[in-house]
Amino acid sequence: MGLSVLATSSLAAAQGPPSLAEVTRVLDDLYTSSASIARVELTVTTPRNTRTMRMRMWSRGEERALIVIESPARERGTATLRRERNLWNFLPRISRTIRVPPSMMLSSWMGTDLTNDDLTQSASYRDDFTGRIVGHSQDGHGWTIRYDANEGTVGLWRRIEFDVNEAGTLPVRARYFDRRERLARVMRFEDVREMDGRRIPTRMIIEPQDREGHRTELHYLEMDFDANVPESTFSLTQLERQR
């Protein structure tokens, strides 16, 4: 171990761990605000092919979200709407709106390695998990926070382990364990930039551990926090206008 690593580890130890409550708030609120508008590029890689989608996303707090695919042309207009715990998909090819049952919240969204729950951010670390600071992360440059699902919480993950930076202000990596305590996927947070006055990781890379050669990369192209997004944006009428 080099002297610089030892010095960094010693400094982190001297400063002590960050506040668990503050880290949890950061993780819950990292990409949310009173209302936001974002443009996102999603790249899905499998052993057979790679495909890229571009989307526009609107949100209000933690309870409202609308996602509309802009490209490629064959999927343009496909949209997902969330209101509280309710989720609908609009499919322009058949001009139908389909309600997603709660049992499907943890299913793949559009064939990616993200779930419906991931895209609409309906899970809350404050409300659905119990957290504790485990100690220094393996690289010695931050801290590991473990979140165990509360009893009765419906979800795919039994626990989630986050590595955060030394100050606890940014996530670096997350490991997701299924209900059998098996490591199911790893998510990396990269390319930290300032967007609309807030420093956030603008690139997330998701790699399932049980499907070799599969990978999903989500890249924020633009983000407008505390935007003017009317409540009418999150209506079934607005969803179906995407046709």
C-alpha atoms as a PDB file:
ATOM      1  CA  MET A   1       0.000   0.000   0.000  1.00  0.00           C
ATOM      2  CA  GLY A   2       1.442   3.366  -1.056  1.00  0.00           C
ATOM      3  CA  LEU A   3       1.986   6.292   1.293  1.00  0.00           C
ATOM      4  CA  SER A   4      -0.727   8.327  -0.466  1.00  0.00           C
ATOM      5  CA  VAL A   5      -3.329   5.615   0.153  1.00  0.00           C
ATOM      6  CA  LEU A   6      -2.248   5.313   3.777  1.00  0.00           C
ATOM      7  CA  ALA A   7      -2.500   9.080   4.172  1.00  0.00           C
ATOM      8  CA  THR A   8      -5.975   9.149   2.623  1.00  0.00           C
ATOM      9  CA  SER A   9      -7.174   6.286   4.845  1.00  0.00           C
ATOM     10  CA  SER A  10      -5.718   7.964   7.922  1.00  0.00           C
ATOM     11  CA  LEU A  11      -7.418  11.244   7.030  1.00  0.00           C
ATOM     12  CA  ALA A  12     -10.783   9.516   6.565  1.00  0.00           C
ATOM     13  CA  ALA A  13     -10.363   7.738   9.891  1.00  0.00           C
ATOM     14  CA  ALA A  14      -9.486  11.016  11.603  1.00  0.00           C
ATOM     15  CA  GLN A  15     -12.536  12.765  10.189  1.00  0.00           C
ATOM     16  CA  GLY A  16     -14.846   9.901  11.057  1.00  0.00           C
ATOM     17  CA  PRO A  17     -17.775   8.586   9.015  1.00  0.00           C
ATOM     18  CA  PRO A  18     -20.443  10.881   7.578  1.00  0.00           C
ATOM     19  CA  SER A  19     -23.911  11.161   9.077  1.00  0.00           C
ATOM     20  CA  LEU A  20     -26.047   8.167   8.116  1.00  0.00           C
ATOM     21  CA  ALA A  21     -29.133  10.378   7.959  1.00  0.00           C
ATOM     22  CA  GLU A  22     -27.370  12.804   5.620  1.00  0.00           C
ATOM     23  CA  VAL A  23     -26.043  10.047   3.330  1.00  0.00           C
ATOM     24  CA  THR A  24     -29.535   8.532   3.134  1.00  0.00           C
ATOM     25  CA  ARG A  25     -31.003  11.919   2.263  1.00  0.00           C
ATOM     26  CA  VAL A  26     -28.380  12.366  -0.472  1.00  0.00           C
ATOM     27  CA  LEU A  27     -29.135   8.949  -2.000  1.00  0.00           C
ATOM     28  CA  ASP A  28     -32.891   9.510  -1.931  1.00  0.00           C
ATOM     29  CA  ASP A  29     -32.743  13.055  -3.313  1.00  0.00           C
ATOM     30  CA  LEU A  30     -29.759  12.859  -5.684  1.00  0.00           C
ATOM     31  CA  TYR A  31     -31.808  13.231  -8.885  1.00  0.00           C
ATOM     32  CA  THR A  32     -35.047  14.584  -7.438  1.00  0.00           C
ATOM     33  CA  SER A  33     -36.301  18.059  -6.622  1.00  0.00           C
ATOM     34  CA  SER A  34     -39.634  19.859  -6.356  1.00  0.00           C
ATOM     35  CA  ALA A  35     -39.866  19.267 -10.121  1.00  0.00           C
ATOM     36  CA  SER A  36     -37.321  18.401 -12.804  1.00  0.00           C
ATOM     37  CA  ILE A  37     -36.898  17.895 -16.542  1.00  0.00           C
ATOM     38  CA  ALA A  38     -34.123  15.729 -17.982  1.00  0.00           C
ATOM     39  CA  ARG A  39     -32.881  14.331 -21.269  1.00  0.00           C
ATOM     40  CA  VAL A  40     -31.310  10.914 -20.943  1.00  0.00           C
ATOM     41  CA  GLU A  41     -29.504   8.491 -23.231  1.00  0.00           C
ATOM     42  CA  LEU A  42     -29.818   4.788 -22.444  1.00  0.00           C
ATOM     43  CA  THR A  43     -27.492   2.216 -24.022  1.00  0.00           C
ATOM     44  CA  VAL A  44     -28.253  -1.481 -23.629  1.00  0.00           C
ATOM     45  CA  THR A  45     -25.542  -4.032 -24.440  1.00  0.00           C
ATOM     46  CA  THR A  46     -26.093  -7.790 -24.771  1.00  0.00           C
ATOM     47  CA  PRO A  47     -23.900 -10.519 -26.301  1.00  0.00           C
ATOM     48  CA  ARG A  48     -25.959 -10.162 -29.497  1.00  0.00           C
ATOM     49  CA  ASN A  49     -26.303  -6.427 -30.007  1.00  0.00           C
ATOM     50  CA  THR A  50     -26.193  -2.888 -28.654  1.00  0.00           C
ATOM     51  CA  ARG A  51     -29.094  -0.453 -28.865  1.00  0.00           C
ATOM     52  CA  THR A  52     -29.473   3.155 -27.750  1.00  0.00           C
ATOM     53  CA  MET A  53     -32.588   5.107 -26.753  1.00  0.00           C
ATOM     54  CA  ARG A  54     -33.007   8.779 -25.987  1.00  0.00           C
ATOM     55  CA  MET A  55     -35.714   9.877 -23.562  1.00  0.00           C
ATOM     56  CA  ARG A  56     -37.170  12.945 -21.944  1.00  0.00           C
ATOM     57  CA  MET A  57     -38.182  12.707 -18.295  1.00  0.00           C
ATOM     58  CA  TRP A  58     -40.402  14.930 -16.152  1.00  0.00           C
ATOM     59  CA  SER A  59     -40.860  14.544 -12.390  1.00  0.00           C
ATOM     60  CA  ARG A  60     -42.437  16.228  -9.367  1.00  0.00           C
ATOM     61  CA  GLY A  61     -40.940  15.243  -6.031  1.00  0.00           C
ATOM     62  CA  GLU A  62     -40.924  11.492  -5.371  1.00  0.00           C
ATOM     63  CA  GLU A  63     -44.511  10.782  -6.405  1.00  0.00           C
ATOM     64  CA  ARG A  64     -44.793  11.828 -10.066  1.00  0.00           C
ATOM     65  CA  ALA A  65     -42.773  10.822 -13.140  1.00  0.00           C
ATOM     66  CA  LEU A  66     -43.310  10.746 -16.901  1.00  0.00           C
ATOM     67  CA  ILE A  67     -40.803   9.177 -19.288  1.00  0.00           C
ATOM     68  CA  VAL A  68     -41.188   9.498 -23.081  1.00  0.00           C
ATOM     69  CA  ILE A  69     -38.904   7.815 -25.616  1.00  0.00           C
ATOM     70  CA  GLU A  70     -37.794  10.185 -28.397  1.00  0.00           C
ATOM     71  CA  SER A  71     -35.642   7.792 -30.436  1.00  0.00           C
ATOM     72  CA  PRO A  72     -35.171   5.405 -32.170  1.00  0.00           C
ATOM     73  CA  ALA A  73     -38.118   5.954 -34.502  1.00  0.00           C
ATOM     74  CA  ARG A  74     -39.636   2.505 -33.945  1.00  0.00           C
ATOM     75  CA  GLU A  75     -40.040   3.235 -30.221  1.00  0.00           C
ATOM     76  CA  ARG A  76     -40.757   6.977 -30.392  1.00  0.00           C
ATOM     77  CA  GLY A  77     -43.746   7.938 -28.261  1.00  0.00           C
ATOM     78  CA  THR A  78     -43.590   4.936 -25.964  1.00  0.00           C
ATOM     79  CA  ALA A  79     -44.175   6.395 -22.520  1.00  0.00           C
ATOM     80  CA  THR A  80     -44.295   5.455 -18.842  1.00  0.00           C
ATOM     81  CA  LEU A  81     -46.298   7.365 -16.250  1.00  0.00           C
ATOM     82  CA  ARG A  82     -46.062   7.034 -12.493  1.00  0.00           C
ATOM     83  CA  ARG A  83     -48.414   8.540  -9.913  1.00  0.00           C
ATOM     84  CA  GLU A  84     -47.626   7.456  -6.347  1.00  0.00           C
ATOM     85  CA  ARG A  85     -47.404   3.648  -6.567  1.00  0.00           C
ATOM     86  CA  ASN A  86     -49.393   3.409  -9.805  1.00  0.00           C
ATOM     87  CA  LEU A  87     -47.660   2.857 -13.144  1.00  0.00           C
ATOM     88  CA  TRP A  88     -48.914   2.909 -16.742  1.00  0.00           C
ATOM     89  CA  ASN A  89     -47.237   2.282 -20.089  1.00  0.00           C
ATOM     90  CA  PHE A  90     -48.480   3.827 -23.331  1.00  0.00           C
ATOM     91  CA  LEU A  91     -47.665   1.780 -26.447  1.00  0.00           C
ATOM     92  CA  PRO A  92     -48.123   3.890 -29.609  1.00  0.00           C
ATOM     93  CA  ARG A  93     -47.902   0.909 -31.981  1.00  0.00           C
ATOM     94  CA  ILE A  94     -51.230  -0.379 -30.686  1.00  0.00           C
ATOM     95  CA  SER A  95     -52.480   2.955 -29.282  1.00  0.00           C
ATOM     96  CA  ARG A  96     -53.113   1.408 -25.885  1.00  0.00           C
ATOM     97  CA  THR A  97     -52.424   2.390 -22.296  1.00  0.00           C
ATOM     98  CA  ILE A  98     -51.644  -0.557 -20.036  1.00  0.00           C
ATOM     99  CA  ARG A  99     -51.576  -0.370 -16.255  1.00  0.00           C
ATOM    100  CA  VAL A 100     -48.517  -2.086 -14.764  1.00  0.00           C
ATOM    101  CA  PRO A 101     -49.550  -4.199 -11.747  1.00  0.00           C
ATOM    102  CA  PRO A 102     -47.508  -3.914  -8.518  1.00  0.00           C
ATOM    103  CA  SER A 103     -46.119  -7.400  -9.168  1.00  0.00           C
ATOM    104  CA  MET A 104     -44.414  -6.063 -12.315  1.00  0.00           C
ATOM    105  CA  MET A 105     -42.664  -3.087 -10.690  1.00  0.00           C
ATOM    106  CA  LEU A 106     -39.487  -5.157 -10.403  1.00  0.00           C
ATOM    107  CA  SER A 107     -39.604  -6.422 -13.981  1.00  0.00           C
ATOM    108  CA  SER A 108     -37.278  -5.163 -16.704  1.00  0.00           C
ATOM    109  CA  TRP A 109     -38.136  -1.809 -18.259  1.00  0.00           C
ATOM    110  CA  MET A 110     -37.979  -1.923 -22.083  1.00  0.00           C
ATOM    111  CA  GLY A 111     -35.616  -4.891 -22.066  1.00  0.00           C
ATOM    112  CA  THR A 112     -32.931  -3.070 -20.085  1.00  0.00           C
ATOM    113  CA  ASP A 113     -31.185  -4.035 -16.848  1.00  0.00           C
ATOM    114  CA  LEU A 114     -33.273  -1.382 -15.101  1.00  0.00           C
ATOM    115  CA  THR A 115     -36.595  -2.193 -13.466  1.00  0.00           C
ATOM    116  CA  ASN A 116     -39.809  -0.184 -13.584  1.00  0.00           C
ATOM    117  CA  ASP A 117     -39.034   0.749  -9.975  1.00  0.00           C
ATOM    118  CA  ASP A 118     -35.567   2.044 -10.938  1.00  0.00           C
ATOM    119  CA  LEU A 119     -36.898   4.287 -13.684  1.00  0.00           C
ATOM    120  CA  THR A 120     -39.611   5.835 -11.554  1.00  0.00           C
ATOM    121  CA  GLN A 121     -37.552   5.889  -8.319  1.00  0.00           C
ATOM    122  CA  SER A 122     -40.467   4.725  -6.181  1.00  0.00           C
ATOM    123  CA  ALA A 123     -38.318   3.033  -3.519  1.00  0.00           C
ATOM    124  CA  SER A 124     -37.076   5.127  -0.586  1.00  0.00           C
ATOM    125  CA  TYR A 125     -34.015   4.331   1.499  1.00  0.00           C
ATOM    126  CA  ARG A 126     -35.506   6.399   4.330  1.00  0.00           C
ATOM    127  CA  ASP A 127     -38.836   4.591   4.360  1.00  0.00           C
ATOM    128  CA  ASP A 128     -38.183   1.094   2.995  1.00  0.00           C
ATOM    129  CA  PHE A 129     -34.740   0.240   4.388  1.00  0.00           C
ATOM    130  CA  THR A 130     -32.749   0.348   7.612  1.00  0.00           C
ATOM    131  CA  GLY A 131     -29.217   1.609   7.106  1.00  0.00           C
ATOM    132  CA  ARG A 132     -25.927   1.405   8.965  1.00  0.00           C
ATOM    133  CA  ILE A 133     -22.372   2.483   8.239  1.00  0.00           C
ATOM    134  CA  VAL A 134     -20.245  -0.632   7.778  1.00  0.00           C
ATOM    135  CA  GLY A 135     -16.845   1.086   7.673  1.00  0.00           C
ATOM    136  CA  HIS A 136     -14.315   2.192   5.101  1.00  0.00           C
ATOM    137  CA  SER A 137     -14.902   1.108   1.523  1.00  0.00           C
ATOM    138  CA  GLN A 138     -12.459  -1.420   0.095  1.00  0.00           C
ATOM    139  CA  ASP A 139     -10.517   1.195  -1.857  1.00  0.00           C
ATOM    140  CA  GLY A 140      -9.971   3.252   1.322  1.00  0.00           C
ATOM    141  CA  HIS A 141     -11.301   6.453  -0.270  1.00  0.00           C
ATOM    142  CA  GLY A 142     -14.780   6.476   1.231  1.00  0.00           C
ATOM    143  CA  TRP A 143     -17.365   4.575   3.240  1.00  0.00           C
ATOM    144  CA  THR A 144     -19.662   1.591   2.801  1.00  0.00           C
ATOM    145  CA  ILE A 145     -23.308   1.988   3.819  1.00  0.00           C
ATOM    146  CA  ARG A 146     -25.522  -1.074   4.129  1.00  0.00           C
ATOM    147  CA  TYR A 147     -29.308  -0.876   3.711  1.00  0.00           C
ATOM    148  CA  ASP A 148     -31.446  -3.853   4.739  1.00  0.00           C
ATOM    149  CA  ALA A 149     -35.041  -4.009   3.521  1.00  0.00           C
ATOM    150  CA  ASN A 150     -37.557  -3.482   6.312  1.00  0.00           C
ATOM    151  CA  GLU A 151     -39.821  -6.381   7.186  1.00  0.00           C
ATOM    152  CA  GLY A 152     -42.886  -6.299   4.983  1.00  0.00           C
ATOM    153  CA  THR A 153     -41.245  -4.228   2.257  1.00  0.00           C
ATOM    154  CA  VAL A 154     -42.200  -5.550  -1.168  1.00  0.00           C
ATOM    155  CA  GLY A 155     -39.182  -5.533  -3.427  1.00  0.00           C
ATOM    156  CA  LEU A 156     -36.493  -7.417  -5.264  1.00  0.00           C
ATOM    157  CA  TRP A 157     -33.593  -6.460  -3.012  1.00  0.00           C
ATOM    158  CA  ARG A 158     -32.895  -7.900   0.420  1.00  0.00           C
ATOM    159  CA  ARG A 159     -30.068  -5.451   0.903  1.00  0.00           C
ATOM    160  CA  ILE A 160     -28.143  -2.779  -0.971  1.00  0.00           C
ATOM    161  CA  GLU A 161     -24.574  -1.763  -0.164  1.00  0.00           C
ATOM    162  CA  PHE A 162     -23.404   1.677  -1.282  1.00  0.00           C
ATOM    163  CA  ASP A 163     -19.830   2.896  -1.453  1.00  0.00           C
ATOM    164  CA  VAL A 164     -19.888   6.684  -1.077  1.00  0.00           C
ATOM    165  CA  ASN A 165     -17.118   9.251  -1.193  1.00  0.00           C
ATOM    166  CA  GLU A 166     -15.332  10.346   1.965  1.00  0.00           C
ATOM    167  CA  ALA A 167     -17.727  13.222   2.649  1.00  0.00           C
ATOM    168  CA  GLY A 168     -20.781  11.043   2.003  1.00  0.00           C
ATOM    169  CA  THR A 169     -22.040  13.462  -0.639  1.00  0.00           C
ATOM    170  CA  LEU A 170     -21.806  11.239  -3.731  1.00  0.00           C
ATOM    171  CA  PRO A 171     -22.352   7.538  -4.439  1.00  0.00           C
ATOM    172  CA  VAL A 172     -19.525   5.670  -6.156  1.00  0.00           C
ATOM    173  CA  ARG A 173     -20.827   2.102  -6.400  1.00  0.00           C
ATOM    174  CA  ALA A 174     -23.850   0.061  -5.323  1.00  0.00           C
ATOM    175  CA  ARG A 175     -24.188  -3.702  -4.875  1.00  0.00           C
ATOM    176  CA  TYR A 176     -27.676  -5.201  -4.947  1.00  0.00           C
ATOM    177  CA  PHE A 177     -28.416  -8.495  -3.166  1.00  0.00           C
ATOM    178  CA  ASP A 178     -31.564 -10.476  -3.903  1.00  0.00           C
ATOM    179  CA  ARG A 179     -33.881 -12.145  -1.397  1.00  0.00           C
ATOM    180  CA  ARG A 180     -31.535 -15.143  -1.213  1.00  0.00           C
ATOM    181  CA  GLU A 181     -28.622 -12.849  -0.284  1.00  0.00           C
ATOM    182  CA  ARG A 182     -26.953 -13.374  -3.678  1.00  0.00           C
ATOM    183  CA  LEU A 183     -25.165 -10.487  -5.384  1.00  0.00           C
ATOM    184  CA  ALA A 184     -27.477  -9.777  -8.332  1.00  0.00           C
ATOM    185  CA  ARG A 185     -26.121  -6.604  -9.885  1.00  0.00           C
ATOM    186  CA  VAL A 186     -23.516  -3.873  -9.504  1.00  0.00           C
ATOM    187  CA  MET A 187     -24.123  -0.219 -10.367  1.00  0.00           C
ATOM    188  CA  ARG A 188     -21.316   2.289 -10.841  1.00  0.00           C
ATOM    189  CA  PHE A 189     -21.762   6.071 -10.660  1.00  0.00           C
ATOM    190  CA  GLU A 190     -19.332   7.994 -12.866  1.00  0.00           C
ATOM    191  CA  ASP A 191     -18.632  11.269 -14.680  1.00  0.00           C
ATOM    192  CA  VAL A 192     -19.542  13.678 -11.872  1.00  0.00           C
ATOM    193  CA  ARG A 193     -20.509  17.067 -13.297  1.00  0.00           C
ATOM    194  CA  GLU A 194     -22.435  20.137 -12.314  1.00  0.00           C
ATOM    195  CA  MET A 195     -25.905  20.265 -13.825  1.00  0.00           C
ATOM    196  CA  ASP A 196     -28.165  23.204 -13.048  1.00  0.00           C
ATOM    197  CA  GLY A 197     -26.102  24.062  -9.964  1.00  0.00           C
ATOM    198  CA  ARG A 198     -25.949  20.533  -8.530  1.00  0.00           C
ATOM    199  CA  ARG A 199     -23.005  18.118  -8.684  1.00  0.00           C
ATOM    200  CA  ILE A 200     -24.248  14.669  -9.668  1.00  0.00           C
ATOM    201  CA  PRO A 201     -22.904  11.513 -11.323  1.00  0.00           C
ATOM    202  CA  THR A 202     -24.139  11.899 -14.879  1.00  0.00           C
ATOM    203  CA  ARG A 203     -23.429   8.314 -15.913  1.00  0.00           C
ATOM    204  CA  MET A 204     -24.668   5.104 -14.274  1.00  0.00           C
ATOM    205  CA  ILE A 205     -23.481   1.691 -15.432  1.00  0.00           C
ATOM    206  CA  ILE A 206     -25.533  -1.361 -14.398  1.00  0.00           C
ATOM    207  CA  GLU A 207     -24.093  -4.865 -14.754  1.00  0.00           C
ATOM    208  CA  PRO A 208     -26.200  -7.906 -13.778  1.00  0.00           C
ATOM    209  CA  GLN A 209     -24.065 -10.592 -12.173  1.00  0.00           C
ATOM    210  CA  ASP A 210     -26.000 -13.561 -13.540  1.00  0.00           C
ATOM    211  CA  ARG A 211     -25.967 -12.586 -17.238  1.00  0.00           C
ATOM    212  CA  GLU A 212     -22.507 -12.364 -18.726  1.00  0.00           C
ATOM    213  CA  GLY A 213     -22.107  -9.734 -21.398  1.00  0.00           C
ATOM    214  CA  HIS A 214     -25.178  -7.719 -20.356  1.00  0.00           C
ATOM    215  CA  ARG A 215     -24.850  -4.069 -19.401  1.00  0.00           C
ATOM    216  CA  THR A 216     -27.020  -0.946 -19.301  1.00  0.00           C
ATOM    217  CA  GLU A 217     -25.596   2.561 -19.281  1.00  0.00           C
ATOM    218  CA  LEU A 218     -27.729   5.580 -18.378  1.00  0.00           C
ATOM    219  CA  HIS A 219     -26.279   8.965 -19.294  1.00  0.00           C
ATOM    220  CA  TYR A 220     -27.864  12.285 -18.241  1.00  0.00           C
ATOM    221  CA  LEU A 221     -27.465  14.748 -21.121  1.00  0.00           C
ATOM    222  CA  GLU A 222     -29.387  17.633 -19.539  1.00  0.00           C
ATOM    223  CA  MET A 223     -31.004  18.212 -16.144  1.00  0.00           C
ATOM    224  CA  ASP A 224     -33.163  21.117 -15.009  1.00  0.00           C
ATOM    225  CA  PHE A 225     -33.910  21.001 -11.281  1.00  0.00           C
ATOM    226  CA  ASP A 226     -36.808  22.909  -9.679  1.00  0.00           C
ATOM    227  CA  ALA A 227     -38.359  23.341 -13.115  1.00  0.00           C
ATOM    228  CA  ASN A 228     -41.876  24.538 -13.865  1.00  0.00           C
ATOM    229  CA  VAL A 229     -43.719  21.246 -14.429  1.00  0.00           C
ATOM    230  CA  PRO A 230     -47.511  21.506 -14.094  1.00  0.00           C
ATOM    231  CA  GLU A 231     -49.500  18.768 -12.367  1.00  0.00           C
ATOM    232  CA  SER A 232     -51.375  18.135 -15.623  1.00  0.00           C
ATOM    233  CA  THR A 233     -48.151  16.664 -17.062  1.00  0.00           C
ATOM    234  CA  PHE A 234     -48.781  13.515 -15.036  1.00  0.00           C
ATOM    235  CA  SER A 235     -52.241  12.624 -16.305  1.00  0.00           C
ATOM    236  CA  LEU A 236     -53.387   9.691 -18.432  1.00  0.00           C
ATOM    237  CA  THR A 237     -54.603  12.220 -20.993  1.00  0.00           C
ATOM    238  CA  GLN A 238     -51.105  13.670 -21.295  1.00  0.00           C
ATOM    239  CA  LEU A 239     -49.632  10.167 -21.465  1.00  0.00           C
ATOM    240  CA  GLU A 240     -51.816   9.240 -24.416  1.00  0.00           C
ATOM    241  CA  ARG A 241     -51.008  12.471 -26.242  1.00  0.00           C
ATOM    242  CA  GLN A 242     -47.616  10.931 -27.011  1.00  0.00           C
ATOM    243  CA  ARG A 243     -49.305   9.116 -29.898  1.00  0.00           C
END
